């Protein structure tokens, strides 16, 4: 991700949250990370950052944890 792209994404996140553009500088963003903007409880007026600056190993750990919990629930039935 180039510095221009990183700058744009951090500005987008600031505006998504209703903050001034100048606050985008506080959103750190790594190369090859995943970020997801969404809505709190699917309400249009409740902007939220669902996931920010997650790198592959963090995403893998979260998904694996959820799959194991699901499998344990199914096995207990």
PDB file of N, CA and C in Angstrom:
ATOM      1  N   UNK A   1       0.857  -1.167   0.000  1.00  0.00           N
ATOM      2  CA  UNK A   1       0.000   0.000   0.000  1.00  0.00           C
ATOM      3  C   UNK A   1       0.902   1.229   0.000  1.00  0.00           C
ATOM      4  N   UNK A   2       0.668   2.112  -0.923  1.00  0.00           N
ATOM      5  CA  UNK A   2       1.478   3.326  -0.991  1.00  0.00           C
ATOM      6  C   UNK A   2       1.062   4.295   0.106  1.00  0.00           C
ATOM      7  N   UNK A   3       1.885   5.294   0.326  1.00  0.00           N
ATOM      8  CA  UNK A   3       1.573   6.282   1.366  1.00  0.00           C
ATOM      9  C   UNK A   3       0.310   7.065   1.015  1.00  0.00           C
ATOM     10  N   UNK A   4       0.058   7.271  -0.270  1.00  0.00           N
ATOM     11  CA  UNK A   4      -1.163   7.977  -0.687  1.00  0.00           C
ATOM     12  C   UNK A   4      -2.396   7.143  -0.372  1.00  0.00           C
ATOM     13  N   UNK A   5      -2.329   5.850  -0.662  1.00  0.00           N
ATOM     14  CA  UNK A   5      -3.453   4.954  -0.359  1.00  0.00           C
ATOM     15  C   UNK A   5      -3.682   4.866   1.145  1.00  0.00           C
ATOM     16  N   UNK A   6      -2.607   4.755   1.907  1.00  0.00           N
ATOM     17  CA  UNK A   6      -2.716   4.684   3.367  1.00  0.00           C
ATOM     18  C   UNK A   6      -3.356   5.962   3.893  1.00  0.00           C
ATOM     19  N   UNK A   7      -2.930   7.102   3.367  1.00  0.00           N
ATOM     20  CA  UNK A   7      -3.476   8.398   3.770  1.00  0.00           C
ATOM     21  C   UNK A   7      -4.977   8.454   3.475  1.00  0.00           C
ATOM     22  N   UNK A   8      -5.377   8.014   2.285  1.00  0.00           N
ATOM     23  CA  UNK A   8      -6.787   8.023   1.905  1.00  0.00           C
ATOM     24  C   UNK A   8      -7.620   7.147   2.831  1.00  0.00           C
ATOM     25  N   UNK A   9      -7.135   5.948   3.127  1.00  0.00           N
ATOM     26  CA  UNK A   9      -7.896   5.019   3.974  1.00  0.00           C
ATOM     27  C   UNK A   9      -8.047   5.570   5.388  1.00  0.00           C
ATOM     28  N   UNK A  10      -6.997   6.174   5.930  1.00  0.00           N
ATOM     29  CA  UNK A  10      -7.102   6.733   7.282  1.00  0.00           C
ATOM     30  C   UNK A  10      -8.045   7.932   7.311  1.00  0.00           C
ATOM     31  N   UNK A  11      -8.053   8.736   6.247  1.00  0.00           N
ATOM     32  CA  UNK A  11      -9.012   9.846   6.170  1.00  0.00           C
ATOM     33  C   UNK A  11     -10.438   9.319   6.053  1.00  0.00           C
ATOM     34  N   UNK A  12     -10.612   8.279   5.266  1.00  0.00           N
ATOM     35  CA  UNK A  12     -11.927   7.661   5.122  1.00  0.00           C
ATOM     36  C   UNK A  12     -12.430   7.153   6.472  1.00  0.00           C
ATOM     37  N   UNK A  13     -11.565   6.513   7.240  1.00  0.00           N
ATOM     38  CA  UNK A  13     -11.955   6.003   8.553  1.00  0.00           C
ATOM     39  C   UNK A  13     -12.363   7.144   9.483  1.00  0.00           C
ATOM     40  N   UNK A  14     -11.612   8.219   9.472  1.00  0.00           N
ATOM     41  CA  UNK A  14     -11.948   9.376  10.319  1.00  0.00           C
ATOM     42  C   UNK A  14     -13.318   9.928   9.948  1.00  0.00           C
ATOM     43  N   UNK A  15     -13.551  10.127   8.680  1.00  0.00           N
ATOM     44  CA  UNK A  15     -14.839  10.674   8.239  1.00  0.00           C
ATOM     45  C   UNK A  15     -15.971   9.681   8.501  1.00  0.00           C
ATOM     46  N   UNK A  16     -15.701   8.385   8.352  1.00  0.00           N
ATOM     47  CA  UNK A  16     -16.694   7.351   8.610  1.00  0.00           C
ATOM     48  C   UNK A  16     -17.208   7.453  10.043  1.00  0.00           C
ATOM     49  N   UNK A  17     -16.269   7.768  10.945  1.00  0.00           N
ATOM     50  CA  UNK A  17     -16.614   7.870  12.360  1.00  0.00           C
ATOM     51  C   UNK A  17     -17.124   9.267  12.734  1.00  0.00           C
ATOM     52  N   UNK A  18     -17.256  10.151  11.746  1.00  0.00           N
ATOM     53  CA  UNK A  18     -17.767  11.493  12.006  1.00  0.00           C
ATOM     54  C   UNK A  18     -16.729  12.437  12.573  1.00  0.00           C
ATOM     55  N   UNK A  19     -15.463  12.085  12.440  1.00  0.00           N
ATOM     56  CA  UNK A  19     -14.378  12.923  12.947  1.00  0.00           C
ATOM     57  C   UNK A  19     -13.871  13.849  11.853  1.00  0.00           C
ATOM     58  N   UNK A  20     -13.212  14.939  12.221  1.00  0.00           N
ATOM     59  CA  UNK A  20     -12.605  15.812  11.212  1.00  0.00           C
ATOM     60  C   UNK A  20     -11.490  15.068  10.463  1.00  0.00           C
ATOM     61  N   UNK A  21     -11.242  15.480   9.245  1.00  0.00           N
ATOM     62  CA  UNK A  21     -10.204  14.864   8.414  1.00  0.00           C
ATOM     63  C   UNK A  21      -8.863  14.845   9.140  1.00  0.00           C
ATOM     64  N   UNK A  22      -8.566  15.872   9.902  1.00  0.00           N
ATOM     65  CA  UNK A  22      -7.279  15.954  10.601  1.00  0.00           C
ATOM     66  C   UNK A  22      -7.074  14.816  11.596  1.00  0.00           C
ATOM     67  N   UNK A  23      -8.124  14.177  12.033  1.00  0.00           N
ATOM     68  CA  UNK A  23      -8.009  13.075  12.992  1.00  0.00           C
ATOM     69  C   UNK A  23      -7.582  11.761  12.339  1.00  0.00           C
ATOM     70  N   UNK A  24      -7.563  11.727  11.015  1.00  0.00           N
ATOM     71  CA  UNK A  24      -7.121  10.530  10.306  1.00  0.00           C
ATOM     72  C   UNK A  24      -5.705  10.127  10.660  1.00  0.00           C
ATOM     73  N   UNK A  25      -4.898  11.084  11.097  1.00  0.00           N
ATOM     74  CA  UNK A  25      -3.507  10.791  11.456  1.00  0.00           C
ATOM     75  C   UNK A  25      -3.393   9.834  12.643  1.00  0.00           C
ATOM     76  N   UNK A  26      -4.448   9.677  13.409  1.00  0.00           N
ATOM     77  CA  UNK A  26      -4.420   8.814  14.588  1.00  0.00           C
ATOM     78  C   UNK A  26      -4.765   7.356  14.287  1.00  0.00           C
ATOM     79  N   UNK A  27      -5.154   7.068  13.056  1.00  0.00           N
ATOM     80  CA  UNK A  27      -5.469   5.701  12.654  1.00  0.00           C
ATOM     81  C   UNK A  27      -4.230   5.088  11.998  1.00  0.00           C
ATOM     82  N   UNK A  28      -3.539   4.241  12.725  1.00  0.00           N
ATOM     83  CA  UNK A  28      -2.345   3.594  12.202  1.00  0.00           C
ATOM     84  C   UNK A  28      -2.754   2.450  11.285  1.00  0.00           C
ATOM     85  N   UNK A  29      -2.013   2.272  10.223  1.00  0.00           N
ATOM     86  CA  UNK A  29      -2.364   1.264   9.233  1.00  0.00           C
ATOM     87  C   UNK A  29      -1.104   0.611   8.698  1.00  0.00           C
ATOM     88  N   UNK A  30      -1.009  -0.692   8.835  1.00  0.00           N
ATOM     89  CA  UNK A  30       0.147  -1.447   8.342  1.00  0.00           C
ATOM     90  C   UNK A  30      -0.090  -1.901   6.904  1.00  0.00           C
ATOM     91  N   UNK A  31       0.989  -2.219   6.243  1.00  0.00           N
ATOM     92  CA  UNK A  31       0.911  -2.774   4.896  1.00  0.00           C
ATOM     93  C   UNK A  31       0.284  -4.163   4.962  1.00  0.00           C
ATOM     94  N   UNK A  32      -0.552  -4.483   3.999  1.00  0.00           N
ATOM     95  CA  UNK A  32      -1.191  -5.802   3.876  1.00  0.00           C
ATOM     96  C   UNK A  32      -2.050  -6.147   5.079  1.00  0.00           C
ATOM     97  N   UNK A  33      -2.708  -5.159   5.638  1.00  0.00           N
ATOM     98  CA  UNK A  33      -3.622  -5.424   6.756  1.00  0.00           C
ATOM     99  C   UNK A  33      -5.058  -5.304   6.264  1.00  0.00           C
ATOM    100  N   UNK A  34      -5.960  -5.819   7.060  1.00  0.00           N
ATOM    101  CA  UNK A  34      -7.380  -5.797   6.713  1.00  0.00           C
ATOM    102  C   UNK A  34      -8.128  -4.886   7.672  1.00  0.00           C
ATOM    103  N   UNK A  35      -8.959  -4.025   7.123  1.00  0.00           N
ATOM    104  CA  UNK A  35      -9.812  -3.152   7.930  1.00  0.00           C
ATOM    105  C   UNK A  35     -11.217  -3.198   7.357  1.00  0.00           C
ATOM    106  N   UNK A  36     -12.212  -3.183   8.239  1.00  0.00           N
ATOM    107  CA  UNK A  36     -13.605  -3.260   7.797  1.00  0.00           C
ATOM    108  C   UNK A  36     -14.406  -2.171   8.501  1.00  0.00           C
ATOM    109  N   UNK A  37     -15.059  -1.329   7.705  1.00  0.00           N
ATOM    110  CA  UNK A  37     -15.962  -0.308   8.232  1.00  0.00           C
ATOM    111  C   UNK A  37     -17.381  -0.851   8.125  1.00  0.00           C
ATOM    112  N   UNK A  38     -18.192  -0.574   9.114  1.00  0.00           N
ATOM    113  CA  UNK A  38     -19.561  -1.072   9.086  1.00  0.00           C
ATOM    114  C   UNK A  38     -20.457  -0.234   9.966  1.00  0.00           C
ATOM    115  N   UNK A  39     -21.524  -0.848  10.419  1.00  0.00           N
ATOM    116  CA  UNK A  39     -22.502  -0.167  11.249  1.00  0.00           C
ATOM    117  C   UNK A  39     -22.745  -0.957  12.522  1.00  0.00           C
ATOM    118  N   UNK A  40     -22.886  -0.242  13.622  1.00  0.00           N
ATOM    119  CA  UNK A  40     -23.200  -0.881  14.885  1.00  0.00           C
ATOM    120  C   UNK A  40     -24.631  -1.388  14.842  1.00  0.00           C
ATOM    121  N   UNK A  41     -24.809  -2.668  15.075  1.00  0.00           N
ATOM    122  CA  UNK A  41     -26.124  -3.309  15.069  1.00  0.00           C
ATOM    123  C   UNK A  41     -26.892  -3.046  13.775  1.00  0.00           C
ATOM    124  N   UNK A  42     -26.154  -2.894  12.674  1.00  0.00           N
ATOM    125  CA  UNK A  42     -26.745  -2.669  11.345  1.00  0.00           C
ATOM    126  C   UNK A  42     -27.615  -1.426  11.263  1.00  0.00           C
ATOM    127  N   UNK A  43     -27.337  -0.426  12.090  1.00  0.00           N
ATOM    128  CA  UNK A  43     -28.071   0.838  12.045  1.00  0.00           C
ATOM    129  C   UNK A  43     -27.247   1.858  11.276  1.00  0.00           C
ATOM    130  N   UNK A  44     -27.868   2.491  10.277  1.00  0.00           N
ATOM    131  CA  UNK A  44     -27.150   3.429   9.421  1.00  0.00           C
ATOM    132  C   UNK A  44     -26.552   4.592  10.199  1.00  0.00           C
ATOM    133  N   UNK A  45     -27.162   4.983  11.306  1.00  0.00           N
ATOM    134  CA  UNK A  45     -26.631   6.113  12.067  1.00  0.00           C
ATOM    135  C   UNK A  45     -25.546   5.694  13.058  1.00  0.00           C
ATOM    136  N   UNK A  46     -25.249   4.414  13.118  1.00  0.00           N
ATOM    137  CA  UNK A  46     -24.248   3.915  14.058  1.00  0.00           C
ATOM    138  C   UNK A  46     -22.976   3.446  13.379  1.00  0.00           C
ATOM    139  N   UNK A  47     -22.233   4.366  12.772  1.00  0.00           N
ATOM    140  CA  UNK A  47     -20.986   3.993  12.107  1.00  0.00           C
ATOM    141  C   UNK A  47     -20.031   3.341  13.094  1.00  0.00           C
ATOM    142  N   UNK A  48     -19.329   2.298  12.637  1.00  0.00           N
ATOM    143  CA  UNK A  48     -18.405   1.587  13.510  1.00  0.00           C
ATOM    144  C   UNK A  48     -17.227   1.067  12.698  1.00  0.00           C
ATOM    145  N   UNK A  49     -16.113   0.892  13.373  1.00  0.00           N
ATOM    146  CA  UNK A  49     -14.964   0.214  12.787  1.00  0.00           C
ATOM    147  C   UNK A  49     -15.036  -1.221  13.287  1.00  0.00           C
ATOM    148  N   UNK A  50     -15.377  -2.129  12.405  1.00  0.00           N
ATOM    149  CA  UNK A  50     -15.574  -3.529  12.754  1.00  0.00           C
ATOM    150  C   UNK A  50     -14.221  -4.208  12.997  1.00  0.00           C
ATOM    151  N   UNK A  51     -13.272  -3.918  12.143  1.00  0.00           N
ATOM    152  CA  UNK A  51     -11.935  -4.494  12.246  1.00  0.00           C
ATOM    153  C   UNK A  51     -10.957  -3.462  11.715  1.00  0.00           C
ATOM    154  N   UNK A  52      -9.820  -3.288  12.410  1.00  0.00           N
ATOM    155  CA  UNK A  52      -8.856  -2.293  11.949  1.00  0.00           C
ATOM    156  C   UNK A  52      -7.443  -2.837  12.042  1.00  0.00           C
ATOM    157  N   UNK A  53      -6.728  -2.749  10.944  1.00  0.00           N
ATOM    158  CA  UNK A  53      -5.299  -3.021  10.891  1.00  0.00           C
ATOM    159  C   UNK A  53      -4.968  -4.460  11.315  1.00  0.00           C
ATOM    160  N   UNK A  54      -5.824  -5.397  10.985  1.00  0.00           N
ATOM    161  CA  UNK A  54      -5.573  -6.796  11.333  1.00  0.00           C
ATOM    162  C   UNK A  54      -4.631  -7.422  10.308  1.00  0.00           C
ATOM    163  N   UNK A  55      -3.636  -8.117  10.795  1.00  0.00           N
ATOM    164  CA  UNK A  55      -2.708  -8.816   9.917  1.00  0.00           C
ATOM    165  C   UNK A  55      -3.096 -10.287   9.872  1.00  0.00           C
ATOM    166  N   UNK A  56      -2.559 -11.020   8.919  1.00  0.00           N
ATOM    167  CA  UNK A  56      -3.011 -12.369   8.630  1.00  0.00           C
ATOM    168  C   UNK A  56      -3.034 -13.272   9.852  1.00  0.00           C
ATOM    169  N   UNK A  57      -1.981 -13.292  10.654  1.00  0.00           N
ATOM    170  CA  UNK A  57      -1.952 -14.234  11.775  1.00  0.00           C
ATOM    171  C   UNK A  57      -3.046 -13.929  12.790  1.00  0.00           C
ATOM    172  N   UNK A  58      -3.401 -12.658  12.981  1.00  0.00           N
ATOM    173  CA  UNK A  58      -4.497 -12.308  13.888  1.00  0.00           C
ATOM    174  C   UNK A  58      -5.833 -12.786  13.322  1.00  0.00           C
ATOM    175  N   UNK A  59      -6.033 -12.583  12.040  1.00  0.00           N
ATOM    176  CA  UNK A  59      -7.275 -13.009  11.396  1.00  0.00           C
ATOM    177  C   UNK A  59      -7.382 -14.532  11.468  1.00  0.00           C
ATOM    178  N   UNK A  60      -6.293 -15.221  11.152  1.00  0.00           N
ATOM    179  CA  UNK A  60      -6.281 -16.693  11.194  1.00  0.00           C
ATOM    180  C   UNK A  60      -6.609 -17.194  12.595  1.00  0.00           C
ATOM    181  N   UNK A  61      -6.011 -16.588  13.613  1.00  0.00           N
ATOM    182  CA  UNK A  61      -6.268 -16.999  14.999  1.00  0.00           C
ATOM    183  C   UNK A  61      -7.736 -16.803  15.372  1.00  0.00           C
ATOM    184  N   UNK A  62      -8.323 -15.680  14.968  1.00  0.00           N
ATOM    185  CA  UNK A  62      -9.726 -15.414  15.290  1.00  0.00           C
ATOM    186  C   UNK A  62     -10.648 -16.402  14.589  1.00  0.00           C
ATOM    187  N   UNK A  63     -10.405 -16.647  13.321  1.00  0.00           N
ATOM    188  CA  UNK A  63     -11.242 -17.575  12.561  1.00  0.00           C
ATOM    189  C   UNK A  63     -11.110 -18.985  13.129  1.00  0.00           C
ATOM    190  N   UNK A  64      -9.893 -19.401  13.413  1.00  0.00           N
ATOM    191  CA  UNK A  64      -9.662 -20.730  13.977  1.00  0.00           C
ATOM    192  C   UNK A  64     -10.386 -20.874  15.306  1.00  0.00           C
ATOM    193  N   UNK A  65     -10.308 -19.862  16.136  1.00  0.00           N
ATOM    194  CA  UNK A  65     -10.975 -19.887  17.438  1.00  0.00           C
ATOM    195  C   UNK A  65     -12.489 -20.040  17.273  1.00  0.00           C
ATOM    196  N   UNK A  66     -13.069 -19.310  16.331  1.00  0.00           N
ATOM    197  CA  UNK A  66     -14.512 -19.385  16.096  1.00  0.00           C
ATOM    198  C   UNK A  66     -14.910 -20.753  15.554  1.00  0.00           C
ATOM    199  N   UNK A  67     -14.111 -21.317  14.661  1.00  0.00           N
ATOM    200  CA  UNK A  67     -14.403 -22.633  14.100  1.00  0.00           C
ATOM    201  C   UNK A  67     -14.343 -23.689  15.201  1.00  0.00           C
ATOM    202  N   UNK A  68     -13.345 -23.604  16.069  1.00  0.00           N
ATOM    203  CA  UNK A  68     -13.230 -24.577  17.158  1.00  0.00           C
ATOM    204  C   UNK A  68     -14.403 -24.463  18.134  1.00  0.00           C
ATOM    205  N   UNK A  69     -14.846 -23.251  18.425  1.00  0.00           N
ATOM    206  CA  UNK A  69     -16.005 -23.062  19.306  1.00  0.00           C
ATOM    207  C   UNK A  69     -17.251 -23.666  18.676  1.00  0.00           C
ATOM    208  N   UNK A  70     -17.434 -23.429  17.383  1.00  0.00           N
ATOM    209  CA  UNK A  70     -18.585 -23.973  16.666  1.00  0.00           C
ATOM    210  C   UNK A  70     -18.549 -25.495  16.679  1.00  0.00           C
ATOM    211  N   UNK A  71     -17.373 -26.049  16.424  1.00  0.00           N
ATOM    212  CA  UNK A  71     -17.234 -27.516  16.401  1.00  0.00           C
ATOM    213  C   UNK A  71     -17.520 -28.093  17.783  1.00  0.00           C
ATOM    214  N   UNK A  72     -17.079 -27.422  18.820  1.00  0.00           N
ATOM    215  CA  UNK A  72     -17.328 -27.896  20.181  1.00  0.00           C
ATOM    216  C   UNK A  72     -18.822 -27.855  20.501  1.00  0.00           C
ATOM    217  N   UNK A  73     -19.506 -26.818  20.045  1.00  0.00           N
ATOM    218  CA  UNK A  73     -20.953 -26.724  20.264  1.00  0.00           C
ATOM    219  C   UNK A  73     -21.672 -27.851  19.536  1.00  0.00           C
ATOM    220  N   UNK A  74     -21.274 -28.116  18.305  1.00  0.00           N
ATOM    221  CA  UNK A  74     -21.916 -29.172  17.521  1.00  0.00           C
ATOM    222  C   UNK A  74     -21.635 -30.542  18.126  1.00  0.00           C
ATOM    223  N   UNK A  75     -20.436 -30.726  18.658  1.00  0.00           N
ATOM    224  CA  UNK A  75     -20.069 -32.006  19.260  1.00  0.00           C
ATOM    225  C   UNK A  75     -20.799 -32.268  20.565  1.00  0.00           C
ATOM    226  N   UNK A  76     -21.204 -31.197  21.251  1.00  0.00           N
ATOM    227  CA  UNK A  76     -21.899 -31.336  22.535  1.00  0.00           C
ATOM    228  C   UNK A  76     -23.383 -31.643  22.353  1.00  0.00           C
ATOM    229  N   UNK A  77     -23.874 -31.519  21.134  1.00  0.00           N
ATOM    230  CA  UNK A  77     -25.313 -31.744  20.888  1.00  0.00           C
ATOM    231  C   UNK A  77     -25.628 -33.203  20.688  1.00  0.00           C
TER     232      UNK A  77
END
